[in-house]
Amino acid sequence: MDWGVRTFGDMGAHLIDHSMWALNLGYPTTIETISTPFNRASYPSATMTIYEFPARASDANAGGKMAQRTLPAVKLTWYDGGLMPPKPVELGEEELDKGGGALLIGSKGKLLHETYGMNPRLLPKSLHDSFGEPAKQLPRIANQQHELNWVAAAQGKTQASSPFQYAARLTEVMLLGVVALHAGKKIQYDGENMRVTNVPAANGFLKRDYRTGW
């Protein structure tokens, strides 16, 4: 545990990114991690983390004008180590990809995608077919070379596709799952002040004291 952040810190950015970005989730108010036996020397073999995000305002472009609307509260559940969410009945005989993915459950249907947002589709299939392929609204990185996008941004030639303003919060949110694992209970989080409010000892996992000169 002294040298890593388990699956959260490895694949979390590739799996919860799309939900965080599309739904403008911000900071969660509570985080709870449930796991297989945990000896506090090495990470458990499987975990499930439940994040609760509050309702929040979002700007939506309506008819050329910026309209304010309220987005509802969201519960985001992370599974790893072989744990899986319930399979949507709309998949029929098809199984969920054990290699990873995300399932977004809405009021009118569901959206399923694989790791890195690959192969997105709406469920049921009739909803997917009736909607068709959405128009591209976001800029693309040439040849998907995100490393070169980072270099070009560092040189001041373009904007980073994942700027620190967004990436830092994404990383903070996913690593709160590790903090909740250490806390051993559901934690309440004040994102603006970067504080766990109900388990004071858990705040020791949010920052570290660096050696002089670092």
N, C-alpha and C. Protein backbone atom coordinates (compact mmCIF):
# COMPACT_ATOMS: atom_id res chain seq x y z
N MET A 1 0.82 -1.21 0.00
CA MET A 1 0.00 0.00 0.00
C MET A 1 0.85 1.26 0.00
N ASP A 2 2.13 1.14 0.38
CA ASP A 2 2.99 2.32 0.40
C ASP A 2 3.42 2.75 -1.00
N TRP A 3 3.22 1.90 -2.01
CA TRP A 3 3.76 2.20 -3.35
C TRP A 3 2.71 2.27 -4.44
N GLY A 4 1.46 2.30 -4.10
CA GLY A 4 0.47 2.33 -5.17
C GLY A 4 -0.91 2.73 -4.70
N VAL A 5 -1.81 2.87 -5.64
CA VAL A 5 -3.19 3.27 -5.35
C VAL A 5 -4.18 2.31 -5.99
N ARG A 6 -3.73 1.11 -6.24
CA ARG A 6 -4.55 0.01 -6.74
C ARG A 6 -5.28 0.38 -8.04
N THR A 7 -6.37 -0.32 -8.31
CA THR A 7 -7.08 -0.14 -9.58
C THR A 7 -7.67 1.25 -9.71
N PHE A 8 -8.04 1.86 -8.58
CA PHE A 8 -8.59 3.22 -8.63
C PHE A 8 -7.64 4.15 -9.39
N GLY A 9 -6.37 4.12 -8.95
CA GLY A 9 -5.40 5.05 -9.50
C GLY A 9 -4.88 4.64 -10.86
N ASP A 10 -5.13 3.40 -11.25
CA ASP A 10 -4.67 2.94 -12.56
C ASP A 10 -5.76 3.16 -13.62
N MET A 11 -6.88 2.47 -13.46
CA MET A 11 -7.92 2.51 -14.49
C MET A 11 -9.06 3.47 -14.20
N GLY A 12 -9.08 4.03 -13.00
CA GLY A 12 -10.19 4.93 -12.66
C GLY A 12 -10.35 6.07 -13.64
N ALA A 13 -9.24 6.67 -14.04
CA ALA A 13 -9.31 7.82 -14.94
C ALA A 13 -9.88 7.43 -16.30
N HIS A 14 -9.74 6.17 -16.70
CA HIS A 14 -10.20 5.72 -18.01
C HIS A 14 -11.65 5.24 -17.97
N LEU A 15 -12.20 5.05 -16.78
CA LEU A 15 -13.53 4.46 -16.68
C LEU A 15 -14.59 5.40 -16.10
N ILE A 16 -14.22 6.28 -15.18
CA ILE A 16 -15.22 7.21 -14.66
C ILE A 16 -15.11 8.58 -15.31
N ASP A 17 -14.10 8.78 -16.15
CA ASP A 17 -13.89 10.06 -16.82
C ASP A 17 -15.13 10.52 -17.58
N HIS A 18 -15.71 9.62 -18.38
CA HIS A 18 -16.82 10.01 -19.25
C HIS A 18 -18.04 10.45 -18.45
N SER A 19 -18.31 9.73 -17.36
CA SER A 19 -19.45 10.12 -16.51
C SER A 19 -19.17 11.43 -15.78
N MET A 20 -17.94 11.59 -15.28
CA MET A 20 -17.57 12.82 -14.59
C MET A 20 -17.71 14.03 -15.51
N TRP A 21 -17.25 13.88 -16.75
CA TRP A 21 -17.22 14.99 -17.69
C TRP A 21 -18.62 15.30 -18.22
N ALA A 22 -19.31 14.27 -18.72
CA ALA A 22 -20.60 14.47 -19.36
C ALA A 22 -21.66 14.97 -18.38
N LEU A 23 -21.58 14.51 -17.13
CA LEU A 23 -22.60 14.87 -16.14
C LEU A 23 -22.16 16.00 -15.22
N ASN A 24 -20.95 16.54 -15.46
CA ASN A 24 -20.45 17.66 -14.66
C ASN A 24 -20.57 17.36 -13.17
N LEU A 25 -20.03 16.22 -12.76
CA LEU A 25 -20.31 15.71 -11.42
C LEU A 25 -19.67 16.51 -10.29
N GLY A 26 -18.53 17.12 -10.51
CA GLY A 26 -17.92 17.87 -9.42
C GLY A 26 -17.43 16.96 -8.32
N TYR A 27 -17.61 17.39 -7.05
CA TYR A 27 -17.14 16.60 -5.91
C TYR A 27 -18.28 15.78 -5.31
N PRO A 28 -18.00 14.55 -4.88
CA PRO A 28 -19.01 13.76 -4.17
C PRO A 28 -19.13 14.26 -2.73
N THR A 29 -20.29 14.01 -2.13
CA THR A 29 -20.48 14.39 -0.73
C THR A 29 -20.22 13.21 0.21
N THR A 30 -20.44 11.99 -0.27
CA THR A 30 -20.12 10.81 0.53
C THR A 30 -19.45 9.76 -0.35
N ILE A 31 -18.55 8.99 0.26
CA ILE A 31 -17.85 7.91 -0.43
C ILE A 31 -17.75 6.74 0.53
N GLU A 32 -18.09 5.56 0.06
CA GLU A 32 -17.98 4.35 0.90
C GLU A 32 -17.35 3.24 0.07
N THR A 33 -16.30 2.60 0.60
CA THR A 33 -15.65 1.48 -0.08
C THR A 33 -15.84 0.21 0.74
N ILE A 34 -16.39 -0.80 0.09
CA ILE A 34 -16.60 -2.12 0.68
C ILE A 34 -15.64 -3.07 -0.02
N SER A 35 -14.98 -3.96 0.75
CA SER A 35 -13.96 -4.80 0.13
C SER A 35 -13.95 -6.21 0.69
N THR A 36 -13.23 -7.07 -0.02
CA THR A 36 -12.87 -8.37 0.52
C THR A 36 -11.86 -8.14 1.65
N PRO A 37 -11.47 -9.16 2.41
CA PRO A 37 -10.58 -8.95 3.57
C PRO A 37 -9.39 -8.06 3.25
N PHE A 38 -9.12 -7.13 4.17
CA PHE A 38 -8.13 -6.08 3.97
C PHE A 38 -7.17 -6.08 5.15
N ASN A 39 -5.89 -6.42 4.89
CA ASN A 39 -4.92 -6.52 5.99
C ASN A 39 -4.11 -5.25 6.21
N ARG A 40 -4.38 -4.21 5.39
CA ARG A 40 -3.74 -2.89 5.50
C ARG A 40 -2.25 -2.92 5.16
N ALA A 41 -1.76 -4.05 4.67
CA ALA A 41 -0.39 -4.12 4.17
C ALA A 41 -0.38 -4.11 2.64
N SER A 42 -1.37 -4.81 2.06
CA SER A 42 -1.56 -4.81 0.61
C SER A 42 -3.05 -4.64 0.33
N TYR A 43 -3.36 -4.23 -0.88
CA TYR A 43 -4.76 -3.95 -1.21
C TYR A 43 -5.59 -5.21 -1.25
N PRO A 44 -6.88 -5.12 -0.94
CA PRO A 44 -7.76 -6.29 -1.02
C PRO A 44 -7.94 -6.74 -2.46
N SER A 45 -8.40 -7.95 -2.65
CA SER A 45 -8.51 -8.50 -4.00
C SER A 45 -9.67 -7.90 -4.78
N ALA A 46 -10.68 -7.37 -4.09
CA ALA A 46 -11.83 -6.79 -4.79
C ALA A 46 -12.44 -5.69 -3.93
N THR A 47 -12.92 -4.65 -4.59
CA THR A 47 -13.57 -3.55 -3.89
C THR A 47 -14.79 -3.06 -4.66
N MET A 48 -15.69 -2.43 -3.94
CA MET A 48 -16.83 -1.73 -4.53
C MET A 48 -16.94 -0.39 -3.80
N THR A 49 -16.93 0.69 -4.55
CA THR A 49 -16.99 2.03 -3.96
C THR A 49 -18.24 2.74 -4.46
N ILE A 50 -18.98 3.33 -3.52
CA ILE A 50 -20.20 4.06 -3.86
C ILE A 50 -19.97 5.54 -3.61
N TYR A 51 -20.09 6.34 -4.66
CA TYR A 51 -19.98 7.79 -4.57
C TYR A 51 -21.38 8.40 -4.68
N GLU A 52 -21.66 9.39 -3.84
CA GLU A 52 -22.92 10.13 -3.93
C GLU A 52 -22.60 11.57 -4.33
N PHE A 53 -23.10 11.98 -5.50
CA PHE A 53 -22.90 13.33 -6.00
C PHE A 53 -24.20 14.12 -5.85
N PRO A 54 -24.14 15.37 -5.39
CA PRO A 54 -25.36 16.15 -5.17
C PRO A 54 -25.91 16.71 -6.48
N ALA A 55 -27.15 17.20 -6.41
CA ALA A 55 -27.71 17.94 -7.54
C ALA A 55 -26.85 19.18 -7.76
N ARG A 56 -26.77 19.62 -9.01
CA ARG A 56 -25.90 20.75 -9.33
C ARG A 56 -26.43 21.49 -10.54
N ALA A 57 -26.02 22.72 -10.69
CA ALA A 57 -26.43 23.54 -11.82
C ALA A 57 -25.52 23.27 -13.00
N SER A 58 -26.06 23.43 -14.19
CA SER A 58 -25.27 23.26 -15.40
C SER A 58 -25.75 24.25 -16.45
N ASP A 59 -24.82 24.81 -17.19
CA ASP A 59 -25.18 25.69 -18.29
C ASP A 59 -25.45 24.85 -19.52
N ALA A 60 -26.59 25.08 -20.15
CA ALA A 60 -26.95 24.36 -21.36
C ALA A 60 -27.27 25.37 -22.45
N ASN A 61 -26.76 25.14 -23.63
CA ASN A 61 -26.98 26.06 -24.74
C ASN A 61 -28.36 25.79 -25.33
N ALA A 62 -29.28 26.70 -25.13
CA ALA A 62 -30.64 26.53 -25.62
C ALA A 62 -30.97 27.64 -26.61
N GLY A 63 -31.05 27.26 -27.89
CA GLY A 63 -31.40 28.23 -28.91
C GLY A 63 -30.42 29.38 -29.02
N GLY A 64 -29.13 29.09 -28.80
CA GLY A 64 -28.14 30.15 -28.91
C GLY A 64 -27.96 30.94 -27.64
N LYS A 65 -28.78 30.69 -26.63
CA LYS A 65 -28.68 31.39 -25.36
C LYS A 65 -28.31 30.41 -24.26
N MET A 66 -27.59 30.91 -23.28
CA MET A 66 -27.18 30.05 -22.17
C MET A 66 -28.32 29.96 -21.16
N ALA A 67 -28.82 28.75 -20.96
CA ALA A 67 -29.93 28.55 -20.03
C ALA A 67 -29.44 27.74 -18.83
N GLN A 68 -29.87 28.11 -17.65
CA GLN A 68 -29.47 27.42 -16.44
C GLN A 68 -30.46 26.30 -16.15
N ARG A 69 -29.95 25.11 -15.89
CA ARG A 69 -30.82 24.00 -15.52
C ARG A 69 -30.17 23.23 -14.38
N THR A 70 -30.97 22.50 -13.66
CA THR A 70 -30.47 21.74 -12.52
C THR A 70 -30.36 20.27 -12.89
N LEU A 71 -29.19 19.71 -12.67
CA LEU A 71 -28.96 18.29 -12.91
C LEU A 71 -29.21 17.53 -11.61
N PRO A 72 -29.87 16.38 -11.67
CA PRO A 72 -30.21 15.65 -10.45
C PRO A 72 -29.01 14.99 -9.79
N ALA A 73 -29.19 14.57 -8.55
CA ALA A 73 -28.14 13.85 -7.82
C ALA A 73 -27.81 12.55 -8.56
N VAL A 74 -26.58 12.08 -8.40
CA VAL A 74 -26.10 10.88 -9.10
C VAL A 74 -25.41 9.96 -8.10
N LYS A 75 -25.69 8.67 -8.22
CA LYS A 75 -24.93 7.66 -7.47
C LYS A 75 -24.03 6.93 -8.48
N LEU A 76 -22.73 6.94 -8.21
CA LEU A 76 -21.76 6.26 -9.08
C LEU A 76 -21.14 5.12 -8.29
N THR A 77 -21.20 3.92 -8.83
CA THR A 77 -20.64 2.74 -8.15
C THR A 77 -19.50 2.17 -8.97
N TRP A 78 -18.36 1.98 -8.30
CA TRP A 78 -17.16 1.41 -8.93
C TRP A 78 -17.01 -0.04 -8.49
N TYR A 79 -16.73 -0.92 -9.45
CA TYR A 79 -16.50 -2.33 -9.15
C TYR A 79 -15.12 -2.74 -9.68
N ASP A 80 -14.40 -3.59 -8.94
CA ASP A 80 -13.16 -4.15 -9.47
C ASP A 80 -12.90 -5.51 -8.83
N GLY A 81 -11.83 -6.16 -9.27
CA GLY A 81 -11.47 -7.47 -8.71
C GLY A 81 -12.44 -8.57 -9.05
N GLY A 82 -13.16 -8.43 -10.17
CA GLY A 82 -14.12 -9.46 -10.58
C GLY A 82 -15.55 -9.16 -10.19
N LEU A 83 -15.77 -8.16 -9.33
CA LEU A 83 -17.13 -7.76 -9.00
C LEU A 83 -17.76 -7.06 -10.20
N MET A 84 -19.04 -7.27 -10.42
CA MET A 84 -19.72 -6.72 -11.59
C MET A 84 -21.07 -6.14 -11.19
N PRO A 85 -21.53 -5.14 -11.92
CA PRO A 85 -22.89 -4.64 -11.68
C PRO A 85 -23.90 -5.64 -12.22
N PRO A 86 -25.15 -5.54 -11.80
CA PRO A 86 -26.18 -6.42 -12.38
C PRO A 86 -26.26 -6.22 -13.89
N LYS A 87 -26.37 -7.31 -14.63
CA LYS A 87 -26.43 -7.22 -16.08
C LYS A 87 -27.77 -6.63 -16.54
N PRO A 88 -27.75 -5.63 -17.42
CA PRO A 88 -29.02 -5.07 -17.91
C PRO A 88 -29.83 -6.14 -18.65
N VAL A 89 -31.10 -6.19 -18.37
CA VAL A 89 -31.95 -7.19 -19.03
C VAL A 89 -31.97 -6.98 -20.53
N GLU A 90 -31.71 -5.74 -20.96
CA GLU A 90 -31.74 -5.44 -22.40
C GLU A 90 -30.64 -6.15 -23.18
N LEU A 91 -29.61 -6.67 -22.50
CA LEU A 91 -28.52 -7.36 -23.20
C LEU A 91 -28.89 -8.78 -23.61
N GLY A 92 -29.96 -9.32 -23.06
CA GLY A 92 -30.36 -10.66 -23.42
C GLY A 92 -29.29 -11.68 -23.05
N GLU A 93 -28.85 -12.46 -24.04
CA GLU A 93 -27.85 -13.50 -23.81
C GLU A 93 -26.42 -12.95 -23.76
N GLU A 94 -26.23 -11.72 -24.22
CA GLU A 94 -24.89 -11.12 -24.21
C GLU A 94 -24.45 -10.82 -22.78
N GLU A 95 -23.16 -11.01 -22.51
CA GLU A 95 -22.63 -10.75 -21.18
C GLU A 95 -21.88 -9.41 -21.15
N LEU A 96 -21.80 -8.81 -19.98
CA LEU A 96 -20.99 -7.61 -19.82
C LEU A 96 -19.52 -7.95 -20.03
N ASP A 97 -18.78 -7.00 -20.59
CA ASP A 97 -17.35 -7.20 -20.84
C ASP A 97 -16.59 -7.18 -19.52
N LYS A 98 -16.01 -8.31 -19.15
CA LYS A 98 -15.27 -8.40 -17.89
C LYS A 98 -13.97 -7.60 -17.92
N GLY A 99 -13.57 -7.13 -19.11
CA GLY A 99 -12.36 -6.32 -19.22
C GLY A 99 -12.55 -4.90 -18.75
N GLY A 100 -13.78 -4.48 -18.54
CA GLY A 100 -14.04 -3.14 -18.03
C GLY A 100 -15.03 -2.39 -18.89
N GLY A 101 -15.63 -1.38 -18.30
CA GLY A 101 -16.60 -0.56 -19.01
C GLY A 101 -17.43 0.25 -18.04
N ALA A 102 -18.47 0.87 -18.56
CA ALA A 102 -19.36 1.68 -17.72
C ALA A 102 -20.79 1.54 -18.21
N LEU A 103 -21.71 1.58 -17.26
CA LEU A 103 -23.13 1.51 -17.55
C LEU A 103 -23.80 2.70 -16.89
N LEU A 104 -24.37 3.59 -17.71
CA LEU A 104 -25.08 4.76 -17.20
C LEU A 104 -26.57 4.49 -17.30
N ILE A 105 -27.27 4.58 -16.18
CA ILE A 105 -28.70 4.27 -16.13
C ILE A 105 -29.49 5.56 -16.01
N GLY A 106 -30.28 5.86 -17.03
CA GLY A 106 -31.08 7.08 -17.04
C GLY A 106 -32.56 6.80 -16.95
N SER A 107 -33.35 7.85 -17.04
CA SER A 107 -34.80 7.70 -16.92
C SER A 107 -35.45 7.21 -18.20
N LYS A 108 -34.76 7.35 -19.34
CA LYS A 108 -35.33 6.95 -20.63
C LYS A 108 -34.61 5.77 -21.26
N GLY A 109 -33.53 5.33 -20.66
CA GLY A 109 -32.77 4.23 -21.21
C GLY A 109 -31.43 4.12 -20.54
N LYS A 110 -30.53 3.35 -21.13
CA LYS A 110 -29.21 3.12 -20.56
C LYS A 110 -28.15 3.33 -21.64
N LEU A 111 -26.94 3.71 -21.20
CA LEU A 111 -25.81 3.86 -22.11
C LEU A 111 -24.70 2.96 -21.61
N LEU A 112 -24.17 2.15 -22.50
CA LEU A 112 -23.12 1.19 -22.15
C LEU A 112 -21.89 1.48 -23.00
N HIS A 113 -20.71 1.55 -22.38
CA HIS A 113 -19.49 1.67 -23.17
C HIS A 113 -18.39 0.84 -22.54
N GLU A 114 -17.38 0.52 -23.34
CA GLU A 114 -16.26 -0.28 -22.87
C GLU A 114 -15.17 0.65 -22.33
N THR A 115 -14.03 0.08 -21.93
CA THR A 115 -12.92 0.86 -21.41
C THR A 115 -12.50 1.93 -22.43
N TYR A 116 -12.09 3.09 -21.93
CA TYR A 116 -11.71 4.25 -22.74
C TYR A 116 -12.90 4.82 -23.52
N GLY A 117 -14.11 4.46 -23.14
CA GLY A 117 -15.28 4.97 -23.83
C GLY A 117 -15.55 4.32 -25.16
N MET A 118 -14.89 3.21 -25.43
CA MET A 118 -15.05 2.54 -26.73
C MET A 118 -16.43 1.90 -26.86
N ASN A 119 -16.89 1.79 -28.12
CA ASN A 119 -18.13 1.10 -28.47
C ASN A 119 -19.33 1.57 -27.65
N PRO A 120 -19.61 2.87 -27.61
CA PRO A 120 -20.78 3.34 -26.86
C PRO A 120 -22.08 2.96 -27.58
N ARG A 121 -23.08 2.59 -26.81
CA ARG A 121 -24.39 2.25 -27.40
C ARG A 121 -25.49 2.45 -26.39
N LEU A 122 -26.65 2.76 -26.90
CA LEU A 122 -27.82 2.94 -26.06
C LEU A 122 -28.56 1.62 -25.93
N LEU A 123 -29.17 1.41 -24.78
CA LEU A 123 -30.01 0.25 -24.53
C LEU A 123 -31.42 0.73 -24.15
N PRO A 124 -32.44 0.10 -24.68
CA PRO A 124 -32.44 -1.06 -25.57
C PRO A 124 -31.97 -0.70 -26.98
N LYS A 125 -31.73 -1.71 -27.81
CA LYS A 125 -31.23 -1.50 -29.16
C LYS A 125 -32.16 -0.62 -29.98
N SER A 126 -33.46 -0.73 -29.73
CA SER A 126 -34.42 0.10 -30.47
C SER A 126 -34.17 1.58 -30.22
N LEU A 127 -33.76 1.93 -29.00
CA LEU A 127 -33.45 3.32 -28.68
C LEU A 127 -32.18 3.76 -29.42
N HIS A 128 -31.20 2.88 -29.45
CA HIS A 128 -29.94 3.18 -30.16
C HIS A 128 -30.22 3.40 -31.65
N ASP A 129 -31.00 2.52 -32.25
CA ASP A 129 -31.28 2.62 -33.68
C ASP A 129 -32.10 3.86 -34.01
N SER A 130 -33.02 4.23 -33.14
CA SER A 130 -33.86 5.39 -33.42
C SER A 130 -33.10 6.70 -33.26
N PHE A 131 -32.09 6.70 -32.39
CA PHE A 131 -31.31 7.92 -32.16
C PHE A 131 -30.30 8.15 -33.27
N GLY A 132 -29.67 7.07 -33.72
CA GLY A 132 -28.66 7.20 -34.76
C GLY A 132 -27.34 7.70 -34.21
N GLU A 133 -26.39 7.94 -35.09
CA GLU A 133 -25.07 8.40 -34.67
C GLU A 133 -25.10 9.90 -34.38
N PRO A 134 -24.69 10.31 -33.17
CA PRO A 134 -24.74 11.74 -32.83
C PRO A 134 -23.71 12.54 -33.61
N ALA A 135 -24.01 13.80 -33.84
CA ALA A 135 -23.05 14.68 -34.52
C ALA A 135 -21.85 14.92 -33.63
N LYS A 136 -20.67 15.03 -34.23
CA LYS A 136 -19.46 15.30 -33.47
C LYS A 136 -19.43 16.77 -33.06
N GLN A 137 -19.32 17.02 -31.76
CA GLN A 137 -19.30 18.38 -31.24
C GLN A 137 -17.98 18.75 -30.58
N LEU A 138 -17.15 17.75 -30.29
CA LEU A 138 -15.91 17.98 -29.57
C LEU A 138 -14.72 17.85 -30.51
N PRO A 139 -13.67 18.65 -30.31
CA PRO A 139 -12.48 18.53 -31.16
C PRO A 139 -11.80 17.19 -30.97
N ARG A 140 -11.23 16.68 -32.05
CA ARG A 140 -10.50 15.41 -32.01
C ARG A 140 -9.00 15.65 -32.04
N ILE A 141 -8.25 14.75 -31.43
CA ILE A 141 -6.80 14.80 -31.49
C ILE A 141 -6.34 13.98 -32.69
N ALA A 142 -5.53 14.58 -33.54
CA ALA A 142 -5.08 13.90 -34.75
C ALA A 142 -4.45 12.55 -34.42
N ASN A 143 -4.94 11.49 -35.09
CA ASN A 143 -4.41 10.13 -34.93
C ASN A 143 -4.48 9.64 -33.48
N GLN A 144 -5.30 10.29 -32.66
CA GLN A 144 -5.46 9.91 -31.25
C GLN A 144 -4.15 9.94 -30.48
N GLN A 145 -3.23 10.79 -30.89
CA GLN A 145 -1.92 10.87 -30.25
C GLN A 145 -1.97 11.89 -29.10
N HIS A 146 -2.54 11.44 -27.98
CA HIS A 146 -2.73 12.36 -26.86
C HIS A 146 -1.39 12.79 -26.25
N GLU A 147 -0.36 11.96 -26.40
CA GLU A 147 0.95 12.36 -25.89
C GLU A 147 1.46 13.61 -26.63
N LEU A 148 1.24 13.64 -27.96
CA LEU A 148 1.68 14.78 -28.74
C LEU A 148 0.81 16.01 -28.45
N ASN A 149 -0.47 15.77 -28.12
CA ASN A 149 -1.31 16.89 -27.70
C ASN A 149 -0.75 17.53 -26.44
N TRP A 150 -0.27 16.70 -25.52
CA TRP A 150 0.32 17.21 -24.26
C TRP A 150 1.59 18.02 -24.55
N VAL A 151 2.43 17.51 -25.46
CA VAL A 151 3.66 18.22 -25.82
C VAL A 151 3.32 19.57 -26.46
N ALA A 152 2.35 19.55 -27.40
CA ALA A 152 1.97 20.79 -28.08
C ALA A 152 1.38 21.80 -27.11
N ALA A 153 0.62 21.33 -26.13
CA ALA A 153 0.05 22.23 -25.12
C ALA A 153 1.16 22.83 -24.26
N ALA A 154 2.16 22.01 -23.91
CA ALA A 154 3.29 22.52 -23.13
C ALA A 154 4.06 23.58 -23.90
N GLN A 155 4.06 23.47 -25.22
CA GLN A 155 4.75 24.44 -26.07
C GLN A 155 3.89 25.67 -26.38
N GLY A 156 2.65 25.66 -25.87
CA GLY A 156 1.76 26.80 -26.10
C GLY A 156 1.12 26.82 -27.47
N LYS A 157 1.12 25.69 -28.17
CA LYS A 157 0.57 25.64 -29.52
C LYS A 157 -0.91 25.27 -29.56
N THR A 158 -1.41 24.66 -28.49
CA THR A 158 -2.80 24.24 -28.47
C THR A 158 -3.26 24.11 -27.03
N GLN A 159 -4.53 23.75 -26.84
CA GLN A 159 -5.07 23.50 -25.51
C GLN A 159 -4.96 22.02 -25.19
N ALA A 160 -4.62 21.71 -23.96
CA ALA A 160 -4.57 20.30 -23.55
C ALA A 160 -5.96 19.71 -23.57
N SER A 161 -6.08 18.50 -24.08
CA SER A 161 -7.40 17.87 -24.13
C SER A 161 -7.90 17.52 -22.73
N SER A 162 -6.99 17.35 -21.79
CA SER A 162 -7.36 17.09 -20.40
C SER A 162 -6.59 18.06 -19.51
N PRO A 163 -7.08 19.29 -19.36
CA PRO A 163 -6.35 20.30 -18.59
C PRO A 163 -6.32 19.97 -17.11
N PHE A 164 -5.36 20.56 -16.39
CA PHE A 164 -5.22 20.29 -14.96
C PHE A 164 -6.49 20.63 -14.19
N GLN A 165 -7.22 21.68 -14.62
CA GLN A 165 -8.43 22.08 -13.90
C GLN A 165 -9.42 20.91 -13.81
N TYR A 166 -9.46 20.11 -14.86
CA TYR A 166 -10.37 18.96 -14.87
C TYR A 166 -9.68 17.70 -14.34
N ALA A 167 -8.48 17.42 -14.84
CA ALA A 167 -7.80 16.16 -14.50
C ALA A 167 -7.50 16.04 -13.01
N ALA A 168 -7.16 17.16 -12.36
CA ALA A 168 -6.85 17.11 -10.93
C ALA A 168 -8.06 16.70 -10.13
N ARG A 169 -9.24 17.23 -10.49
CA ARG A 169 -10.45 16.88 -9.77
C ARG A 169 -10.84 15.43 -10.04
N LEU A 170 -10.69 14.97 -11.28
CA LEU A 170 -10.98 13.58 -11.61
C LEU A 170 -10.12 12.65 -10.76
N THR A 171 -8.82 12.96 -10.67
CA THR A 171 -7.90 12.14 -9.88
C THR A 171 -8.28 12.16 -8.40
N GLU A 172 -8.61 13.35 -7.90
CA GLU A 172 -8.99 13.48 -6.49
C GLU A 172 -10.22 12.63 -6.18
N VAL A 173 -11.21 12.69 -7.05
CA VAL A 173 -12.45 11.94 -6.82
C VAL A 173 -12.19 10.44 -6.81
N MET A 174 -11.45 9.94 -7.79
CA MET A 174 -11.26 8.49 -7.83
C MET A 174 -10.42 8.01 -6.65
N LEU A 175 -9.43 8.82 -6.21
CA LEU A 175 -8.59 8.39 -5.09
C LEU A 175 -9.30 8.51 -3.75
N LEU A 176 -10.43 9.21 -3.70
CA LEU A 176 -11.22 9.22 -2.47
C LEU A 176 -11.75 7.83 -2.15
N GLY A 177 -11.84 6.98 -3.18
CA GLY A 177 -12.21 5.59 -2.93
C GLY A 177 -11.17 4.88 -2.08
N VAL A 178 -9.89 5.20 -2.29
CA VAL A 178 -8.81 4.63 -1.48
C VAL A 178 -8.87 5.18 -0.06
N VAL A 179 -9.17 6.48 0.07
CA VAL A 179 -9.29 7.09 1.40
C VAL A 179 -10.41 6.42 2.18
N ALA A 180 -11.55 6.18 1.51
CA ALA A 180 -12.67 5.52 2.18
C ALA A 180 -12.31 4.09 2.58
N LEU A 181 -11.50 3.43 1.78
CA LEU A 181 -11.03 2.09 2.15
C LEU A 181 -10.23 2.16 3.43
N HIS A 182 -9.31 3.11 3.53
CA HIS A 182 -8.53 3.28 4.76
C HIS A 182 -9.41 3.64 5.95
N ALA A 183 -10.41 4.49 5.71
CA ALA A 183 -11.29 4.94 6.81
C ALA A 183 -12.11 3.79 7.37
N GLY A 184 -12.44 2.82 6.53
CA GLY A 184 -13.21 1.67 7.00
C GLY A 184 -14.69 1.95 7.20
N LYS A 185 -15.16 3.11 6.73
CA LYS A 185 -16.57 3.45 6.84
C LYS A 185 -16.89 4.53 5.82
N LYS A 186 -18.18 4.82 5.66
CA LYS A 186 -18.56 5.88 4.74
C LYS A 186 -18.02 7.22 5.22
N ILE A 187 -17.37 7.95 4.30
CA ILE A 187 -16.84 9.25 4.68
C ILE A 187 -17.68 10.36 4.05
N GLN A 188 -17.75 11.47 4.74
CA GLN A 188 -18.42 12.67 4.24
C GLN A 188 -17.34 13.65 3.83
N TYR A 189 -17.47 14.19 2.59
CA TYR A 189 -16.37 14.97 2.03
C TYR A 189 -16.79 16.39 1.69
N ASP A 190 -15.98 17.34 2.15
CA ASP A 190 -16.13 18.76 1.82
C ASP A 190 -15.10 19.07 0.75
N GLY A 191 -15.51 18.97 -0.53
CA GLY A 191 -14.57 19.10 -1.62
C GLY A 191 -13.93 20.46 -1.72
N GLU A 192 -14.69 21.51 -1.47
CA GLU A 192 -14.14 22.86 -1.59
C GLU A 192 -12.99 23.10 -0.63
N ASN A 193 -13.09 22.48 0.55
CA ASN A 193 -12.04 22.67 1.56
C ASN A 193 -11.13 21.44 1.70
N MET A 194 -11.36 20.45 0.84
CA MET A 194 -10.54 19.23 0.83
C MET A 194 -10.43 18.63 2.23
N ARG A 195 -11.59 18.32 2.81
CA ARG A 195 -11.63 17.79 4.17
C ARG A 195 -12.65 16.67 4.29
N VAL A 196 -12.27 15.59 4.97
CA VAL A 196 -13.23 14.59 5.41
C VAL A 196 -13.78 15.09 6.74
N THR A 197 -15.08 15.24 6.82
CA THR A 197 -15.67 15.92 7.98
C THR A 197 -16.09 14.98 9.10
N ASN A 198 -16.27 13.69 8.83
CA ASN A 198 -16.78 12.80 9.88
C ASN A 198 -15.75 11.80 10.41
N VAL A 199 -14.61 11.65 9.72
CA VAL A 199 -13.55 10.75 10.17
C VAL A 199 -12.25 11.55 10.13
N PRO A 200 -11.94 12.32 11.16
CA PRO A 200 -10.76 13.20 11.13
C PRO A 200 -9.47 12.49 10.74
N ALA A 201 -9.29 11.25 11.19
CA ALA A 201 -8.05 10.54 10.90
C ALA A 201 -7.85 10.32 9.40
N ALA A 202 -8.95 10.28 8.65
CA ALA A 202 -8.85 10.04 7.21
C ALA A 202 -8.18 11.20 6.47
N ASN A 203 -8.17 12.38 7.09
CA ASN A 203 -7.54 13.53 6.44
C ASN A 203 -6.03 13.34 6.29
N GLY A 204 -5.46 12.44 7.07
CA GLY A 204 -4.03 12.16 6.95
C GLY A 204 -3.67 11.51 5.63
N PHE A 205 -4.69 10.99 4.90
CA PHE A 205 -4.42 10.35 3.61
C PHE A 205 -4.61 11.33 2.45
N LEU A 206 -5.01 12.56 2.72
CA LEU A 206 -5.26 13.52 1.65
C LEU A 206 -4.02 14.29 1.23
N LYS A 207 -3.06 14.42 2.15
CA LYS A 207 -1.84 15.17 1.85
C LYS A 207 -0.67 14.43 2.48
N ARG A 208 0.54 14.82 2.09
CA ARG A 208 1.72 14.21 2.71
C ARG A 208 2.77 15.29 2.95
N ASP A 209 3.68 15.01 3.84
CA ASP A 209 4.80 15.91 4.10
C ASP A 209 5.97 15.46 3.23
N TYR A 210 6.40 16.33 2.33
CA TYR A 210 7.48 15.99 1.41
C TYR A 210 8.84 16.31 2.04
N ARG A 211 9.83 15.60 1.59
CA ARG A 211 11.19 15.88 2.06
C ARG A 211 11.61 17.28 1.64
N THR A 212 12.50 17.89 2.40
CA THR A 212 12.99 19.22 2.09
C THR A 212 13.59 19.24 0.69
N GLY A 213 13.18 20.23 -0.09
CA GLY A 213 13.69 20.35 -1.45
C GLY A 213 12.77 19.75 -2.50
N TRP A 214 11.65 19.11 -2.06
CA TRP A 214 10.73 18.49 -3.01
C TRP A 214 9.37 19.16 -2.92
